[in-house]
Every structure is written in C-alpha cells, then in structure tokens.
PDB file of all heavy atoms in Angstrom:
ATOM      1  N   ASN A   1       0.855  -1.188   0.000  1.00  0.00           N
ATOM      2  CA  ASN A   1       0.000   0.000   0.000  1.00  0.00           C
ATOM      3  C   ASN A   1       0.888   1.235   0.000  1.00  0.00           C
ATOM      4  O   ASN A   1       1.446   1.608   1.037  1.00  0.00           O
ATOM      5  CB  ASN A   1      -0.922  -0.008   1.223  1.00  0.00           C
ATOM      6  CG  ASN A   1      -1.956   1.109   1.167  1.00  0.00           C
ATOM      7  OD1 ASN A   1      -1.933   1.951   0.260  1.00  0.00           O
ATOM      8  ND2 ASN A   1      -2.863   1.118   2.125  1.00  0.00           N
ATOM      9  N   PRO A   2       1.046   1.893  -1.154  1.00  0.00           N
ATOM     10  CA  PRO A   2       1.952   3.058  -1.239  1.00  0.00           C
ATOM     11  C   PRO A   2       1.546   4.215  -0.340  1.00  0.00           C
ATOM     12  O   PRO A   2       2.365   5.087  -0.053  1.00  0.00           O
ATOM     13  CB  PRO A   2       1.864   3.469  -2.721  1.00  0.00           C
ATOM     14  CG  PRO A   2       1.342   2.271  -3.438  1.00  0.00           C
ATOM     15  CD  PRO A   2       0.451   1.570  -2.461  1.00  0.00           C
ATOM     16  N   GLU A   3       0.282   4.255   0.106  1.00  0.00           N
ATOM     17  CA  GLU A   3      -0.174   5.363   0.931  1.00  0.00           C
ATOM     18  C   GLU A   3       0.213   5.197   2.403  1.00  0.00           C
ATOM     19  O   GLU A   3       0.212   6.158   3.161  1.00  0.00           O
ATOM     20  CB  GLU A   3      -1.708   5.502   0.822  1.00  0.00           C
ATOM     21  CG  GLU A   3      -2.207   5.767  -0.588  1.00  0.00           C
ATOM     22  CD  GLU A   3      -1.668   7.084  -1.135  1.00  0.00           C
ATOM     23  OE1 GLU A   3      -1.550   8.042  -0.351  1.00  0.00           O
ATOM     24  OE2 GLU A   3      -1.374   7.141  -2.342  1.00  0.00           O
ATOM     25  N   GLU A   4       0.528   3.964   2.821  1.00  0.00           N
ATOM     26  CA  GLU A   4       0.861   3.704   4.217  1.00  0.00           C
ATOM     27  C   GLU A   4       2.294   3.174   4.292  1.00  0.00           C
ATOM     28  O   GLU A   4       2.548   1.988   4.106  1.00  0.00           O
ATOM     29  CB  GLU A   4      -0.118   2.694   4.826  1.00  0.00           C
ATOM     30  CG  GLU A   4      -1.557   3.178   4.833  1.00  0.00           C
ATOM     31  CD  GLU A   4      -2.514   2.149   5.398  1.00  0.00           C
ATOM     32  OE1 GLU A   4      -2.028   1.068   5.824  1.00  0.00           O
ATOM     33  OE2 GLU A   4      -3.717   2.409   5.404  1.00  0.00           O
ATOM     34  N   THR A   5       3.213   4.085   4.556  1.00  0.00           N
ATOM     35  CA  THR A   5       4.631   3.714   4.528  1.00  0.00           C
ATOM     36  C   THR A   5       5.349   3.997   5.849  1.00  0.00           C
ATOM     37  O   THR A   5       6.564   3.840   5.925  1.00  0.00           O
ATOM     38  CB  THR A   5       5.355   4.482   3.408  1.00  0.00           C
ATOM     39  OG1 THR A   5       5.245   5.890   3.666  1.00  0.00           O
ATOM     40  CG2 THR A   5       4.766   4.164   2.047  1.00  0.00           C
ATOM     41  N   ALA A   6       4.622   4.411   6.892  1.00  0.00           N
ATOM     42  CA  ALA A   6       5.282   4.791   8.148  1.00  0.00           C
ATOM     43  C   ALA A   6       6.038   3.613   8.757  1.00  0.00           C
ATOM     44  O   ALA A   6       7.202   3.750   9.158  1.00  0.00           O
ATOM     45  CB  ALA A   6       4.251   5.327   9.142  1.00  0.00           C
ATOM     46  N   GLU A   7       5.389   2.436   8.813  1.00  0.00           N
ATOM     47  CA  GLU A   7       6.043   1.268   9.398  1.00  0.00           C
ATOM     48  C   GLU A   7       7.231   0.831   8.544  1.00  0.00           C
ATOM     49  O   GLU A   7       8.275   0.444   9.075  1.00  0.00           O
ATOM     50  CB  GLU A   7       5.042   0.119   9.534  1.00  0.00           C
ATOM     51  CG  GLU A   7       3.948   0.381  10.553  1.00  0.00           C
ATOM     52  CD  GLU A   7       2.973  -0.769  10.651  1.00  0.00           C
ATOM     53  OE1 GLU A   7       3.137  -1.762   9.901  1.00  0.00           O
ATOM     54  OE2 GLU A   7       2.051  -0.689  11.489  1.00  0.00           O
ATOM     55  N   GLU A   8       7.072   0.905   7.217  1.00  0.00           N
ATOM     56  CA  GLU A   8       8.159   0.505   6.321  1.00  0.00           C
ATOM     57  C   GLU A   8       9.358   1.431   6.476  1.00  0.00           C
ATOM     58  O   GLU A   8      10.509   0.967   6.540  1.00  0.00           O
ATOM     59  CB  GLU A   8       7.662   0.517   4.870  1.00  0.00           C
ATOM     60  CG  GLU A   8       6.521  -0.468   4.621  1.00  0.00           C
ATOM     61  CD  GLU A   8       5.866  -0.248   3.271  1.00  0.00           C
ATOM     62  OE1 GLU A   8       6.394   0.571   2.491  1.00  0.00           O
ATOM     63  OE2 GLU A   8       4.836  -0.884   3.005  1.00  0.00           O
ATOM     64  N   GLU A   9       9.104   2.723   6.545  1.00  0.00           N
ATOM     65  CA  GLU A   9      10.201   3.684   6.691  1.00  0.00           C
ATOM     66  C   GLU A   9      10.898   3.509   8.036  1.00  0.00           C
ATOM     67  O   GLU A   9      12.124   3.617   8.132  1.00  0.00           O
ATOM     68  CB  GLU A   9       9.654   5.106   6.545  1.00  0.00           C
ATOM     69  CG  GLU A   9       9.194   5.412   5.118  1.00  0.00           C
ATOM     70  CD  GLU A   9       8.345   6.673   5.038  1.00  0.00           C
ATOM     71  OE1 GLU A   9       8.064   7.263   6.105  1.00  0.00           O
ATOM     72  OE2 GLU A   9       7.962   7.063   3.927  1.00  0.00           O
ATOM     73  N   SER A  10      10.118   3.220   9.081  1.00  0.00           N
ATOM     74  CA  SER A  10      10.713   3.003  10.396  1.00  0.00           C
ATOM     75  C   SER A  10      11.595   1.755  10.394  1.00  0.00           C
ATOM     76  O   SER A  10      12.693   1.762  10.962  1.00  0.00           O
ATOM     77  CB  SER A  10       9.618   2.864  11.464  1.00  0.00           C
ATOM     78  OG  SER A  10       8.833   4.032  11.533  1.00  0.00           O
ATOM     79  N   TRP A  11      11.130   0.704   9.734  1.00  0.00           N
ATOM     80  CA  TRP A  11      11.929  -0.530   9.680  1.00  0.00           C
ATOM     81  C   TRP A  11      13.172  -0.336   8.816  1.00  0.00           C
ATOM     82  O   TRP A  11      14.251  -0.860   9.137  1.00  0.00           O
ATOM     83  CB  TRP A  11      11.088  -1.685   9.162  1.00  0.00           C
ATOM     84  CG  TRP A  11      11.858  -2.967   9.100  1.00  0.00           C
ATOM     85  CD1 TRP A  11      12.169  -3.704   7.998  1.00  0.00           C
ATOM     86  CD2 TRP A  11      12.446  -3.655  10.213  1.00  0.00           C
ATOM     87  NE1 TRP A  11      12.910  -4.806   8.344  1.00  0.00           N
ATOM     88  CE2 TRP A  11      13.097  -4.804   9.696  1.00  0.00           C
ATOM     89  CE3 TRP A  11      12.495  -3.404  11.577  1.00  0.00           C
ATOM     90  CZ2 TRP A  11      13.784  -5.698  10.514  1.00  0.00           C
ATOM     91  CZ3 TRP A  11      13.176  -4.301  12.395  1.00  0.00           C
ATOM     92  CH2 TRP A  11      13.813  -5.424  11.857  1.00  0.00           C
ATOM     93  N   ASP A  12      13.050   0.423   7.737  1.00  0.00           N
ATOM     94  CA  ASP A  12      14.232   0.737   6.924  1.00  0.00           C
ATOM     95  C   ASP A  12      15.260   1.508   7.743  1.00  0.00           C
ATOM     96  O   ASP A  12      16.467   1.296   7.604  1.00  0.00           O
ATOM     97  CB  ASP A  12      13.831   1.557   5.691  1.00  0.00           C
ATOM     98  CG  ASP A  12      13.310   0.678   4.564  1.00  0.00           C
ATOM     99  OD1 ASP A  12      13.877  -0.395   4.340  1.00  0.00           O
ATOM    100  OD2 ASP A  12      12.321   1.067   3.918  1.00  0.00           O
ATOM    101  N   TYR A  13      14.766   2.399   8.598  1.00  0.00           N
ATOM    102  CA  TYR A  13      15.674   3.168   9.450  1.00  0.00           C
ATOM    103  C   TYR A  13      16.402   2.248  10.432  1.00  0.00           C
ATOM    104  O   TYR A  13      17.600   2.402  10.684  1.00  0.00           O
ATOM    105  CB  TYR A  13      14.885   4.236  10.206  1.00  0.00           C
ATOM    106  CG  TYR A  13      15.740   5.173  11.016  1.00  0.00           C
ATOM    107  CD1 TYR A  13      16.474   6.182  10.398  1.00  0.00           C
ATOM    108  CD2 TYR A  13      15.809   5.056  12.397  1.00  0.00           C
ATOM    109  CE1 TYR A  13      17.267   7.049  11.135  1.00  0.00           C
ATOM    110  CE2 TYR A  13      16.603   5.918  13.147  1.00  0.00           C
ATOM    111  CZ  TYR A  13      17.325   6.912  12.503  1.00  0.00           C
ATOM    112  OH  TYR A  13      18.095   7.757  13.242  1.00  0.00           O
ATOM    113  N   VAL A  14      15.677   1.260  10.984  1.00  0.00           N
ATOM    114  CA  VAL A  14      16.295   0.287  11.897  1.00  0.00           C
ATOM    115  C   VAL A  14      17.367  -0.518  11.168  1.00  0.00           C
ATOM    116  O   VAL A  14      18.480  -0.715  11.681  1.00  0.00           O
ATOM    117  CB  VAL A  14      15.217  -0.653  12.482  1.00  0.00           C
ATOM    118  CG1 VAL A  14      15.863  -1.820  13.237  1.00  0.00           C
ATOM    119  CG2 VAL A  14      14.294   0.113  13.409  1.00  0.00           C
ATOM    120  N   GLN A  15      17.052  -0.982   9.954  1.00  0.00           N
ATOM    121  CA  GLN A  15      18.026  -1.762   9.178  1.00  0.00           C
ATOM    122  C   GLN A  15      19.271  -0.944   8.869  1.00  0.00           C
ATOM    123  O   GLN A  15      20.399  -1.445   8.966  1.00  0.00           O
ATOM    124  CB  GLN A  15      17.392  -2.259   7.871  1.00  0.00           C
ATOM    125  CG  GLN A  15      16.363  -3.333   8.065  1.00  0.00           C
ATOM    126  CD  GLN A  15      15.908  -3.958   6.757  1.00  0.00           C
ATOM    127  OE1 GLN A  15      15.638  -5.141   6.675  1.00  0.00           O
ATOM    128  NE2 GLN A  15      15.787  -3.156   5.715  1.00  0.00           N
ATOM    129  N   PHE A  16      19.064   0.321   8.522  1.00  0.00           N
ATOM    130  CA  PHE A  16      20.189   1.186   8.184  1.00  0.00           C
ATOM    131  C   PHE A  16      21.076   1.436   9.400  1.00  0.00           C
ATOM    132  O   PHE A  16      22.303   1.391   9.312  1.00  0.00           O
ATOM    133  CB  PHE A  16      19.663   2.506   7.623  1.00  0.00           C
ATOM    134  CG  PHE A  16      20.737   3.459   7.189  1.00  0.00           C
ATOM    135  CD1 PHE A  16      21.296   3.383   5.932  1.00  0.00           C
ATOM    136  CD2 PHE A  16      21.193   4.445   8.063  1.00  0.00           C
ATOM    137  CE1 PHE A  16      22.295   4.265   5.530  1.00  0.00           C
ATOM    138  CE2 PHE A  16      22.180   5.330   7.677  1.00  0.00           C
ATOM    139  CZ  PHE A  16      22.734   5.235   6.410  1.00  0.00           C
ATOM    140  N   GLN A  17      20.456   1.710  10.553  1.00  0.00           N
ATOM    141  CA  GLN A  17      21.224   2.044  11.751  1.00  0.00           C
ATOM    142  C   GLN A  17      21.925   0.823  12.342  1.00  0.00           C
ATOM    143  O   GLN A  17      23.069   0.921  12.793  1.00  0.00           O
ATOM    144  CB  GLN A  17      20.299   2.674  12.810  1.00  0.00           C
ATOM    145  CG  GLN A  17      19.797   4.053  12.451  1.00  0.00           C
ATOM    146  CD  GLN A  17      20.912   5.077  12.349  1.00  0.00           C
ATOM    147  OE1 GLN A  17      21.897   5.023  13.069  1.00  0.00           O
ATOM    148  NE2 GLN A  17      20.768   6.033  11.434  1.00  0.00           N
ATOM    149  N   LEU A  18      21.247  -0.325  12.366  1.00  0.00           N
ATOM    150  CA  LEU A  18      21.834  -1.535  12.952  1.00  0.00           C
ATOM    151  C   LEU A  18      22.676  -2.318  11.952  1.00  0.00           C
ATOM    152  O   LEU A  18      23.305  -3.315  12.315  1.00  0.00           O
ATOM    153  CB  LEU A  18      20.734  -2.439  13.512  1.00  0.00           C
ATOM    154  CG  LEU A  18      19.947  -1.901  14.703  1.00  0.00           C
ATOM    155  CD1 LEU A  18      18.897  -2.918  15.144  1.00  0.00           C
ATOM    156  CD2 LEU A  18      20.872  -1.562  15.862  1.00  0.00           C
ATOM    157  N   ARG A  19      22.671  -1.886  10.683  1.00  0.00           N
ATOM    158  CA  ARG A  19      23.431  -2.565   9.624  1.00  0.00           C
ATOM    159  C   ARG A  19      23.040  -4.041   9.543  1.00  0.00           C
ATOM    160  O   ARG A  19      23.875  -4.940   9.669  1.00  0.00           O
ATOM    161  CB  ARG A  19      24.939  -2.409   9.847  1.00  0.00           C
ATOM    162  CG  ARG A  19      25.389  -0.959   9.816  1.00  0.00           C
ATOM    163  CD  ARG A  19      26.882  -0.805  10.016  1.00  0.00           C
ATOM    164  NE  ARG A  19      27.268   0.607   9.948  1.00  0.00           N
ATOM    165  CZ  ARG A  19      27.530   1.268   8.838  1.00  0.00           C
ATOM    166  NH1 ARG A  19      27.442   0.643   7.671  1.00  0.00           N
ATOM    167  NH2 ARG A  19      27.860   2.544   8.863  1.00  0.00           N
ATOM    168  N   CYS A  20      21.746  -4.244   9.341  1.00  0.00           N
ATOM    169  CA  CYS A  20      21.210  -5.602   9.254  1.00  0.00           C
ATOM    170  C   CYS A  20      20.183  -5.643   8.135  1.00  0.00           C
ATOM    171  O   CYS A  20      19.840  -4.611   7.550  1.00  0.00           O
ATOM    172  CB  CYS A  20      20.573  -6.013  10.582  1.00  0.00           C
ATOM    173  SG  CYS A  20      19.276  -4.879  11.160  1.00  0.00           S
ATOM    174  N   CYS A  21      19.691  -6.842   7.845  1.00  0.00           N
ATOM    175  CA  CYS A  21      18.730  -6.996   6.739  1.00  0.00           C
ATOM    176  C   CYS A  21      17.745  -8.099   7.084  1.00  0.00           C
ATOM    177  O   CYS A  21      18.146  -9.240   7.345  1.00  0.00           O
ATOM    178  CB  CYS A  21      19.477  -7.327   5.451  1.00  0.00           C
ATOM    179  SG  CYS A  21      18.417  -7.354   3.980  1.00  0.00           S
ATOM    180  N   GLY A  22      16.464  -7.760   7.099  1.00  0.00           N
ATOM    181  CA  GLY A  22      15.445  -8.732   7.469  1.00  0.00           C
ATOM    182  C   GLY A  22      15.415  -8.956   8.972  1.00  0.00           C
ATOM    183  O   GLY A  22      16.194  -8.376   9.724  1.00  0.00           O
ATOM    184  N   TRP A  23      14.520  -9.842   9.413  1.00  0.00           N
ATOM    185  CA  TRP A  23      14.461 -10.160  10.838  1.00  0.00           C
ATOM    186  C   TRP A  23      15.457 -11.269  11.190  1.00  0.00           C
ATOM    187  O   TRP A  23      16.297 -11.114  12.061  1.00  0.00           O
ATOM    188  CB  TRP A  23      13.054 -10.572  11.235  1.00  0.00           C
ATOM    189  CG  TRP A  23      12.925 -10.969  12.669  1.00  0.00           C
ATOM    190  CD1 TRP A  23      12.746 -12.217  13.173  1.00  0.00           C
ATOM    191  CD2 TRP A  23      12.985 -10.088  13.810  1.00  0.00           C
ATOM    192  NE1 TRP A  23      12.688 -12.189  14.544  1.00  0.00           N
ATOM    193  CE2 TRP A  23      12.829 -10.889  14.969  1.00  0.00           C
ATOM    194  CE3 TRP A  23      13.148  -8.714  13.974  1.00  0.00           C
ATOM    195  CZ2 TRP A  23      12.832 -10.353  16.261  1.00  0.00           C
ATOM    196  CZ3 TRP A  23      13.152  -8.192  15.253  1.00  0.00           C
ATOM    197  CH2 TRP A  23      12.997  -8.997  16.374  1.00  0.00           C
ATOM    198  N   ASN A  24      15.355 -12.395  10.466  1.00  0.00           N
ATOM    199  CA  ASN A  24      16.294 -13.493  10.701  1.00  0.00           C
ATOM    200  C   ASN A  24      17.522 -13.393   9.803  1.00  0.00           C
ATOM    201  O   ASN A  24      18.636 -13.648  10.235  1.00  0.00           O
ATOM    202  CB  ASN A  24      15.597 -14.843  10.484  1.00  0.00           C
ATOM    203  CG  ASN A  24      14.447 -15.067  11.460  1.00  0.00           C
ATOM    204  OD1 ASN A  24      14.628 -14.982  12.662  1.00  0.00           O
ATOM    205  ND2 ASN A  24      13.262 -15.322  10.936  1.00  0.00           N
ATOM    206  N   SER A  25      17.289 -13.014   8.534  1.00  0.00           N
ATOM    207  CA  SER A  25      18.367 -12.904   7.556  1.00  0.00           C
ATOM    208  C   SER A  25      17.815 -12.186   6.328  1.00  0.00           C
ATOM    209  O   SER A  25      16.598 -11.957   6.226  1.00  0.00           O
ATOM    210  CB  SER A  25      18.879 -14.298   7.166  1.00  0.00           C
ATOM    211  OG  SER A  25      17.905 -14.981   6.392  1.00  0.00           O
ATOM    212  N   PRO A  26      18.672 -11.842   5.353  1.00  0.00           N
ATOM    213  CA  PRO A  26      18.165 -11.216   4.116  1.00  0.00           C
ATOM    214  C   PRO A  26      17.196 -12.103   3.345  1.00  0.00           C
ATOM    215  O   PRO A  26      16.433 -11.601   2.504  1.00  0.00           O
ATOM    216  CB  PRO A  26      19.450 -10.969   3.300  1.00  0.00           C
ATOM    217  CG  PRO A  26      20.534 -10.875   4.315  1.00  0.00           C
ATOM    218  CD  PRO A  26      20.154 -11.820   5.404  1.00  0.00           C
ATOM    219  N   GLN A  27      17.196 -13.412   3.630  1.00  0.00           N
ATOM    220  CA  GLN A  27      16.283 -14.317   2.950  1.00  0.00           C
ATOM    221  C   GLN A  27      14.814 -13.982   3.225  1.00  0.00           C
ATOM    222  O   GLN A  27      13.931 -14.378   2.457  1.00  0.00           O
ATOM    223  CB  GLN A  27      16.556 -15.767   3.394  1.00  0.00           C
ATOM    224  CG  GLN A  27      17.971 -16.264   3.111  1.00  0.00           C
ATOM    225  CD  GLN A  27      18.256 -16.339   1.629  1.00  0.00           C
ATOM    226  OE1 GLN A  27      17.404 -16.744   0.849  1.00  0.00           O
ATOM    227  NE2 GLN A  27      19.466 -15.940   1.228  1.00  0.00           N
ATOM    228  N   ASP A  28      14.562 -13.261   4.322  1.00  0.00           N
ATOM    229  CA  ASP A  28      13.180 -12.889   4.644  1.00  0.00           C
ATOM    230  C   ASP A  28      12.544 -12.053   3.543  1.00  0.00           C
ATOM    231  O   ASP A  28      11.321 -12.075   3.367  1.00  0.00           O
ATOM    232  CB  ASP A  28      13.137 -12.092   5.957  1.00  0.00           C
ATOM    233  CG  ASP A  28      13.528 -12.935   7.160  1.00  0.00           C
ATOM    234  OD1 ASP A  28      13.494 -14.174   7.042  1.00  0.00           O
ATOM    235  OD2 ASP A  28      13.877 -12.358   8.206  1.00  0.00           O
ATOM    236  N   TRP A  29      13.364 -11.294   2.800  1.00  0.00           N
ATOM    237  CA  TRP A  29      12.844 -10.407   1.762  1.00  0.00           C
ATOM    238  C   TRP A  29      12.575 -11.135   0.454  1.00  0.00           C
ATOM    239  O   TRP A  29      11.833 -10.614  -0.386  1.00  0.00           O
ATOM    240  CB  TRP A  29      13.821  -9.271   1.492  1.00  0.00           C
ATOM    241  CG  TRP A  29      13.943  -8.293   2.615  1.00  0.00           C
ATOM    242  CD1 TRP A  29      14.947  -8.204   3.530  1.00  0.00           C
ATOM    243  CD2 TRP A  29      13.019  -7.254   2.949  1.00  0.00           C
ATOM    244  NE1 TRP A  29      14.711  -7.188   4.409  1.00  0.00           N
ATOM    245  CE2 TRP A  29      13.525  -6.579   4.078  1.00  0.00           C
ATOM    246  CE3 TRP A  29      11.805  -6.826   2.400  1.00  0.00           C
ATOM    247  CZ2 TRP A  29      12.865  -5.512   4.667  1.00  0.00           C
ATOM    248  CZ3 TRP A  29      11.148  -5.756   2.980  1.00  0.00           C
ATOM    249  CH2 TRP A  29      11.669  -5.114   4.100  1.00  0.00           C
TER     250      TRP A  29
END
C-alpha cells in the first residue's frame, strides 16, 4: 500500500542504523 509507509520507513531506518537486513536474515525479503 503506497499510501501507508510509516512502518516501512521506520523498519528501513532500523536496518540502516543496525546494519542488518530482514528479521532473521536477508532471505526474509
């Protein structure tokens, strides 16, 4: 849903700051 991106942007910020990808691994994506 392109209109609702708050959670996505927050999670992208977490990934960027913690230098990680996905919850368990990049395979999650």
